[in-house]
């Protein structure tokens, strides 16, 4: 399962990730970008949000289930 994270020290709330995410993971609320629906994140197979973030404020963490 992928977990998108926004670094609050880097994010300038430009909303590029909100616009580019094909599954609506992010939203703009109270002048801030927030992760709305992390379960919908497509993870490393997509990464459009992280690739488009010019401040490099978004990372996609992948949880590998233990066996």
PDB file of N, CA and C in Angstrom:
ATOM      1  N   UNK A   1       0.838  -1.184   0.000  1.00  0.00           N
ATOM      2  CA  UNK A   1       0.000   0.000   0.000  1.00  0.00           C
ATOM      3  C   UNK A   1       0.882   1.246   0.000  1.00  0.00           C
ATOM      4  N   UNK A   2       0.549   2.191  -0.832  1.00  0.00           N
ATOM      5  CA  UNK A   2       1.308   3.437  -0.944  1.00  0.00           C
ATOM      6  C   UNK A   2       0.736   4.486   0.006  1.00  0.00           C
ATOM      7  N   UNK A   3       1.639   5.312   0.519  1.00  0.00           N
ATOM      8  CA  UNK A   3       1.223   6.372   1.426  1.00  0.00           C
ATOM      9  C   UNK A   3       1.874   7.684   0.988  1.00  0.00           C
ATOM     10  N   UNK A   4       1.087   8.579   0.391  1.00  0.00           N
ATOM     11  CA  UNK A   4       1.645   9.870  -0.010  1.00  0.00           C
ATOM     12  C   UNK A   4       1.822  10.777   1.208  1.00  0.00           C
ATOM     13  N   UNK A   5       2.945  11.482   1.242  1.00  0.00           N
ATOM     14  CA  UNK A   5       3.215  12.390   2.350  1.00  0.00           C
ATOM     15  C   UNK A   5       3.666  13.738   1.807  1.00  0.00           C
ATOM     16  N   UNK A   6       3.221  14.793   2.471  1.00  0.00           N
ATOM     17  CA  UNK A   6       3.606  16.157   2.116  1.00  0.00           C
ATOM     18  C   UNK A   6       4.496  16.699   3.221  1.00  0.00           C
ATOM     19  N   UNK A   7       5.665  17.187   2.845  1.00  0.00           N
ATOM     20  CA  UNK A   7       6.572  17.805   3.816  1.00  0.00           C
ATOM     21  C   UNK A   7       6.103  19.244   4.024  1.00  0.00           C
ATOM     22  N   UNK A   8       5.580  19.554   5.215  1.00  0.00           N
ATOM     23  CA  UNK A   8       5.035  20.897   5.450  1.00  0.00           C
ATOM     24  C   UNK A   8       6.081  22.003   5.412  1.00  0.00           C
ATOM     25  N   UNK A   9       7.347  21.638   5.578  1.00  0.00           N
ATOM     26  CA  UNK A   9       8.400  22.653   5.528  1.00  0.00           C
ATOM     27  C   UNK A   9       8.778  23.023   4.091  1.00  0.00           C
ATOM     28  N   UNK A  10       8.447  22.153   3.141  1.00  0.00           N
ATOM     29  CA  UNK A  10       8.770  22.414   1.732  1.00  0.00           C
ATOM     30  C   UNK A  10       7.564  22.876   0.918  1.00  0.00           C
ATOM     31  N   UNK A  11       6.389  22.421   1.267  1.00  0.00           N
ATOM     32  CA  UNK A  11       5.185  22.699   0.477  1.00  0.00           C
ATOM     33  C   UNK A  11       4.812  24.175   0.524  1.00  0.00           C
ATOM     34  N   UNK A  12       4.549  24.753  -0.654  1.00  0.00           N
ATOM     35  CA  UNK A  12       4.113  26.147  -0.754  1.00  0.00           C
ATOM     36  C   UNK A  12       2.635  26.238  -1.145  1.00  0.00           C
ATOM     37  N   UNK A  13       1.955  25.095  -1.141  1.00  0.00           N
ATOM     38  CA  UNK A  13       0.514  25.012  -1.382  1.00  0.00           C
ATOM     39  C   UNK A  13       0.104  25.598  -2.733  1.00  0.00           C
ATOM     40  N   UNK A  14       0.888  25.264  -3.750  1.00  0.00           N
ATOM     41  CA  UNK A  14       0.639  25.766  -5.107  1.00  0.00           C
ATOM     42  C   UNK A  14      -0.523  25.043  -5.793  1.00  0.00           C
ATOM     43  N   UNK A  15      -0.896  23.881  -5.303  1.00  0.00           N
ATOM     44  CA  UNK A  15      -2.000  23.076  -5.809  1.00  0.00           C
ATOM     45  C   UNK A  15      -1.694  22.305  -7.085  1.00  0.00           C
ATOM     46  N   UNK A  16      -0.443  22.224  -7.498  1.00  0.00           N
ATOM     47  CA  UNK A  16      -0.107  21.435  -8.682  1.00  0.00           C
ATOM     48  C   UNK A  16      -0.491  19.973  -8.480  1.00  0.00           C
ATOM     49  N   UNK A  17      -0.242  19.443  -7.289  1.00  0.00           N
ATOM     50  CA  UNK A  17      -0.566  18.038  -7.012  1.00  0.00           C
ATOM     51  C   UNK A  17      -2.075  17.799  -7.037  1.00  0.00           C
ATOM     52  N   UNK A  18      -2.839  18.768  -6.575  1.00  0.00           N
ATOM     53  CA  UNK A  18      -4.297  18.663  -6.592  1.00  0.00           C
ATOM     54  C   UNK A  18      -4.776  18.549  -8.035  1.00  0.00           C
ATOM     55  N   UNK A  19      -4.196  19.360  -8.897  1.00  0.00           N
ATOM     56  CA  UNK A  19      -4.609  19.391 -10.300  1.00  0.00           C
ATOM     57  C   UNK A  19      -4.178  18.153 -11.081  1.00  0.00           C
ATOM     58  N   UNK A  20      -2.999  17.606 -10.769  1.00  0.00           N
ATOM     59  CA  UNK A  20      -2.448  16.538 -11.601  1.00  0.00           C
ATOM     60  C   UNK A  20      -2.822  15.134 -11.138  1.00  0.00           C
ATOM     61  N   UNK A  21      -3.173  14.954  -9.880  1.00  0.00           N
ATOM     62  CA  UNK A  21      -3.466  13.607  -9.361  1.00  0.00           C
ATOM     63  C   UNK A  21      -4.702  13.019 -10.053  1.00  0.00           C
ATOM     64  N   UNK A  22      -4.555  11.867 -10.725  1.00  0.00           N
ATOM     65  CA  UNK A  22      -5.673  11.294 -11.481  1.00  0.00           C
ATOM     66  C   UNK A  22      -6.752  10.639 -10.613  1.00  0.00           C
ATOM     67  N   UNK A  23      -6.455  10.448  -9.319  1.00  0.00           N
ATOM     68  CA  UNK A  23      -7.430   9.763  -8.462  1.00  0.00           C
ATOM     69  C   UNK A  23      -7.897  10.605  -7.272  1.00  0.00           C
ATOM     70  N   UNK A  24      -7.546  11.876  -7.218  1.00  0.00           N
ATOM     71  CA  UNK A  24      -8.068  12.777  -6.194  1.00  0.00           C
ATOM     72  C   UNK A  24      -7.531  12.557  -4.790  1.00  0.00           C
ATOM     73  N   UNK A  25      -6.247  12.253  -4.684  1.00  0.00           N
ATOM     74  CA  UNK A  25      -5.649  12.025  -3.363  1.00  0.00           C
ATOM     75  C   UNK A  25      -5.564  13.321  -2.557  1.00  0.00           C
ATOM     76  N   UNK A  26      -5.355  14.448  -3.219  1.00  0.00           N
ATOM     77  CA  UNK A  26      -5.121  15.730  -2.546  1.00  0.00           C
ATOM     78  C   UNK A  26      -6.316  16.672  -2.678  1.00  0.00           C
ATOM     79  N   UNK A  27      -6.384  17.606  -1.722  1.00  0.00           N
ATOM     80  CA  UNK A  27      -7.385  18.672  -1.811  1.00  0.00           C
ATOM     81  C   UNK A  27      -6.802  19.942  -1.212  1.00  0.00           C
ATOM     82  N   UNK A  28      -7.407  21.069  -1.566  1.00  0.00           N
ATOM     83  CA  UNK A  28      -6.976  22.368  -1.063  1.00  0.00           C
ATOM     84  C   UNK A  28      -8.036  22.860  -0.090  1.00  0.00           C
ATOM     85  N   UNK A  29      -7.652  22.971   1.181  1.00  0.00           N
ATOM     86  CA  UNK A  29      -8.589  23.365   2.239  1.00  0.00           C
ATOM     87  C   UNK A  29      -7.926  24.404   3.134  1.00  0.00           C
ATOM     88  N   UNK A  30      -8.631  25.478   3.394  1.00  0.00           N
ATOM     89  CA  UNK A  30      -8.109  26.527   4.286  1.00  0.00           C
ATOM     90  C   UNK A  30      -6.702  26.982   3.892  1.00  0.00           C
ATOM     91  N   UNK A  31      -6.524  27.197   2.591  1.00  0.00           N
ATOM     92  CA  UNK A  31      -5.262  27.702   2.032  1.00  0.00           C
ATOM     93  C   UNK A  31      -4.096  26.736   2.204  1.00  0.00           C
ATOM     94  N   UNK A  32      -4.407  25.434   2.350  1.00  0.00           N
ATOM     95  CA  UNK A  32      -3.375  24.414   2.513  1.00  0.00           C
ATOM     96  C   UNK A  32      -3.721  23.185   1.675  1.00  0.00           C
ATOM     97  N   UNK A  33      -2.699  22.541   1.134  1.00  0.00           N
ATOM     98  CA  UNK A  33      -2.890  21.271   0.440  1.00  0.00           C
ATOM     99  C   UNK A  33      -2.829  20.163   1.487  1.00  0.00           C
ATOM    100  N   UNK A  34      -3.801  19.252   1.422  1.00  0.00           N
ATOM    101  CA  UNK A  34      -3.862  18.137   2.359  1.00  0.00           C
ATOM    102  C   UNK A  34      -4.021  16.829   1.598  1.00  0.00           C
ATOM    103  N   UNK A  35      -3.585  15.740   2.230  1.00  0.00           N
ATOM    104  CA  UNK A  35      -3.820  14.410   1.685  1.00  0.00           C
ATOM    105  C   UNK A  35      -5.238  14.033   2.093  1.00  0.00           C
ATOM    106  N   UNK A  36      -6.124  13.925   1.111  1.00  0.00           N
ATOM    107  CA  UNK A  36      -7.540  13.639   1.363  1.00  0.00           C
ATOM    108  C   UNK A  36      -7.816  12.141   1.389  1.00  0.00           C
ATOM    109  N   UNK A  37      -7.293  11.419   0.423  1.00  0.00           N
ATOM    110  CA  UNK A  37      -7.643  10.009   0.250  1.00  0.00           C
ATOM    111  C   UNK A  37      -6.402   9.177  -0.053  1.00  0.00           C
ATOM    112  N   UNK A  38      -5.562   8.908   0.952  1.00  0.00           N
ATOM    113  CA  UNK A  38      -4.314   8.190   0.699  1.00  0.00           C
ATOM    114  C   UNK A  38      -4.528   6.765   0.178  1.00  0.00           C
ATOM    115  N   UNK A  39      -5.650   6.155   0.489  1.00  0.00           N
ATOM    116  CA  UNK A  39      -5.918   4.790   0.029  1.00  0.00           C
ATOM    117  C   UNK A  39      -6.063   4.708  -1.485  1.00  0.00           C
ATOM    118  N   UNK A  40      -6.396   5.808  -2.126  1.00  0.00           N
ATOM    119  CA  UNK A  40      -6.567   5.824  -3.581  1.00  0.00           C
ATOM    120  C   UNK A  40      -5.250   5.981  -4.332  1.00  0.00           C
ATOM    121  N   UNK A  41      -4.179   6.307  -3.617  1.00  0.00           N
ATOM    122  CA  UNK A  41      -2.888   6.564  -4.252  1.00  0.00           C
ATOM    123  C   UNK A  41      -2.429   5.340  -5.047  1.00  0.00           C
ATOM    124  N   UNK A  42      -1.994   5.571  -6.287  1.00  0.00           N
ATOM    125  CA  UNK A  42      -1.514   4.510  -7.159  1.00  0.00           C
ATOM    126  C   UNK A  42      -0.053   4.166  -6.905  1.00  0.00           C
ATOM    127  N   UNK A  43       0.601   4.932  -6.070  1.00  0.00           N
ATOM    128  CA  UNK A  43       1.969   4.635  -5.654  1.00  0.00           C
ATOM    129  C   UNK A  43       3.011   4.837  -6.729  1.00  0.00           C
ATOM    130  N   UNK A  44       4.087   4.053  -6.655  1.00  0.00           N
ATOM    131  CA  UNK A  44       5.218   4.226  -7.572  1.00  0.00           C
ATOM    132  C   UNK A  44       4.864   4.042  -9.050  1.00  0.00           C
ATOM    133  N   UNK A  45       3.772   3.378  -9.345  1.00  0.00           N
ATOM    134  CA  UNK A  45       3.391   3.202 -10.746  1.00  0.00           C
ATOM    135  C   UNK A  45       2.878   4.507 -11.361  1.00  0.00           C
ATOM    136  N   UNK A  46       2.582   5.482 -10.545  1.00  0.00           N
ATOM    137  CA  UNK A  46       2.078   6.772 -11.030  1.00  0.00           C
ATOM    138  C   UNK A  46       3.074   7.881 -10.673  1.00  0.00           C
ATOM    139  N   UNK A  47       3.084   8.301  -9.450  1.00  0.00           N
ATOM    140  CA  UNK A  47       3.962   9.334  -8.921  1.00  0.00           C
ATOM    141  C   UNK A  47       3.889  10.662  -9.649  1.00  0.00           C
ATOM    142  N   UNK A  48       2.779  10.929 -10.317  1.00  0.00           N
ATOM    143  CA  UNK A  48       2.649  12.196 -11.042  1.00  0.00           C
ATOM    144  C   UNK A  48       2.749  13.390 -10.101  1.00  0.00           C
ATOM    145  N   UNK A  49       2.205  13.257  -8.897  1.00  0.00           N
ATOM    146  CA  UNK A  49       2.240  14.361  -7.934  1.00  0.00           C
ATOM    147  C   UNK A  49       3.671  14.676  -7.516  1.00  0.00           C
ATOM    148  N   UNK A  50       4.424  13.647  -7.151  1.00  0.00           N
ATOM    149  CA  UNK A  50       5.801  13.849  -6.711  1.00  0.00           C
ATOM    150  C   UNK A  50       6.673  14.378  -7.854  1.00  0.00           C
ATOM    151  N   UNK A  51       6.460  13.857  -9.051  1.00  0.00           N
ATOM    152  CA  UNK A  51       7.242  14.310 -10.206  1.00  0.00           C
ATOM    153  C   UNK A  51       6.932  15.756 -10.577  1.00  0.00           C
ATOM    154  N   UNK A  52       5.710  16.204 -10.332  1.00  0.00           N
ATOM    155  CA  UNK A  52       5.325  17.566 -10.705  1.00  0.00           C
ATOM    156  C   UNK A  52       5.640  18.595  -9.621  1.00  0.00           C
ATOM    157  N   UNK A  53       5.989  18.148  -8.428  1.00  0.00           N
ATOM    158  CA  UNK A  53       6.234  19.070  -7.312  1.00  0.00           C
ATOM    159  C   UNK A  53       7.616  19.700  -7.440  1.00  0.00           C
ATOM    160  N   UNK A  54       7.639  20.960  -7.809  1.00  0.00           N
ATOM    161  CA  UNK A  54       8.900  21.663  -8.028  1.00  0.00           C
ATOM    162  C   UNK A  54       9.632  21.977  -6.728  1.00  0.00           C
ATOM    163  N   UNK A  55       8.952  21.844  -5.594  1.00  0.00           N
ATOM    164  CA  UNK A  55       9.587  22.033  -4.287  1.00  0.00           C
ATOM    165  C   UNK A  55      10.028  20.704  -3.676  1.00  0.00           C
ATOM    166  N   UNK A  56       9.748  19.594  -4.368  1.00  0.00           N
ATOM    167  CA  UNK A  56      10.071  18.241  -3.893  1.00  0.00           C
ATOM    168  C   UNK A  56       9.513  17.993  -2.489  1.00  0.00           C
ATOM    169  N   UNK A  57       8.271  18.418  -2.289  1.00  0.00           N
ATOM    170  CA  UNK A  57       7.617  18.302  -0.983  1.00  0.00           C
ATOM    171  C   UNK A  57       6.804  17.025  -0.833  1.00  0.00           C
ATOM    172  N   UNK A  58       6.639  16.265  -1.921  1.00  0.00           N
ATOM    173  CA  UNK A  58       5.812  15.059  -1.865  1.00  0.00           C
ATOM    174  C   UNK A  58       6.676  13.823  -2.003  1.00  0.00           C
ATOM    175  N   UNK A  59       6.424  12.865  -1.128  1.00  0.00           N
ATOM    176  CA  UNK A  59       7.076  11.566  -1.238  1.00  0.00           C
ATOM    177  C   UNK A  59       6.002  10.489  -1.156  1.00  0.00           C
ATOM    178  N   UNK A  60       6.261   9.395  -1.831  1.00  0.00           N
ATOM    179  CA  UNK A  60       5.344   8.255  -1.821  1.00  0.00           C
ATOM    180  C   UNK A  60       6.045   7.127  -1.087  1.00  0.00           C
ATOM    181  N   UNK A  61       5.556   6.820   0.077  1.00  0.00           N
ATOM    182  CA  UNK A  61       6.102   5.710   0.868  1.00  0.00           C
ATOM    183  C   UNK A  61       5.348   4.453   0.512  1.00  0.00           C
ATOM    184  N   UNK A  62       6.066   3.350   0.395  1.00  0.00           N
ATOM    185  CA  UNK A  62       5.425   2.069   0.070  1.00  0.00           C
ATOM    186  C   UNK A  62       5.637   1.127   1.245  1.00  0.00           C
ATOM    187  N   UNK A  63       4.529   0.674   1.799  1.00  0.00           N
ATOM    188  CA  UNK A  63       4.587  -0.299   2.893  1.00  0.00           C
ATOM    189  C   UNK A  63       4.597  -1.701   2.300  1.00  0.00           C
ATOM    190  N   UNK A  64       5.648  -2.425   2.587  1.00  0.00           N
ATOM    191  CA  UNK A  64       5.760  -3.799   2.116  1.00  0.00           C
ATOM    192  C   UNK A  64       5.292  -4.700   3.246  1.00  0.00           C
ATOM    193  N   UNK A  65       4.241  -5.497   3.017  1.00  0.00           N
ATOM    194  CA  UNK A  65       3.759  -6.367   4.082  1.00  0.00           C
ATOM    195  C   UNK A  65       4.805  -7.412   4.464  1.00  0.00           C
ATOM    196  N   UNK A  66       4.926  -7.638   5.752  1.00  0.00           N
ATOM    197  CA  UNK A  66       5.892  -8.650   6.202  1.00  0.00           C
ATOM    198  C   UNK A  66       5.287 -10.034   6.054  1.00  0.00           C
ATOM    199  N   UNK A  67       6.137 -10.995   5.774  1.00  0.00           N
ATOM    200  CA  UNK A  67       5.673 -12.366   5.564  1.00  0.00           C
ATOM    201  C   UNK A  67       5.723 -13.167   6.833  1.00  0.00           C
TER     202      UNK A  67
END
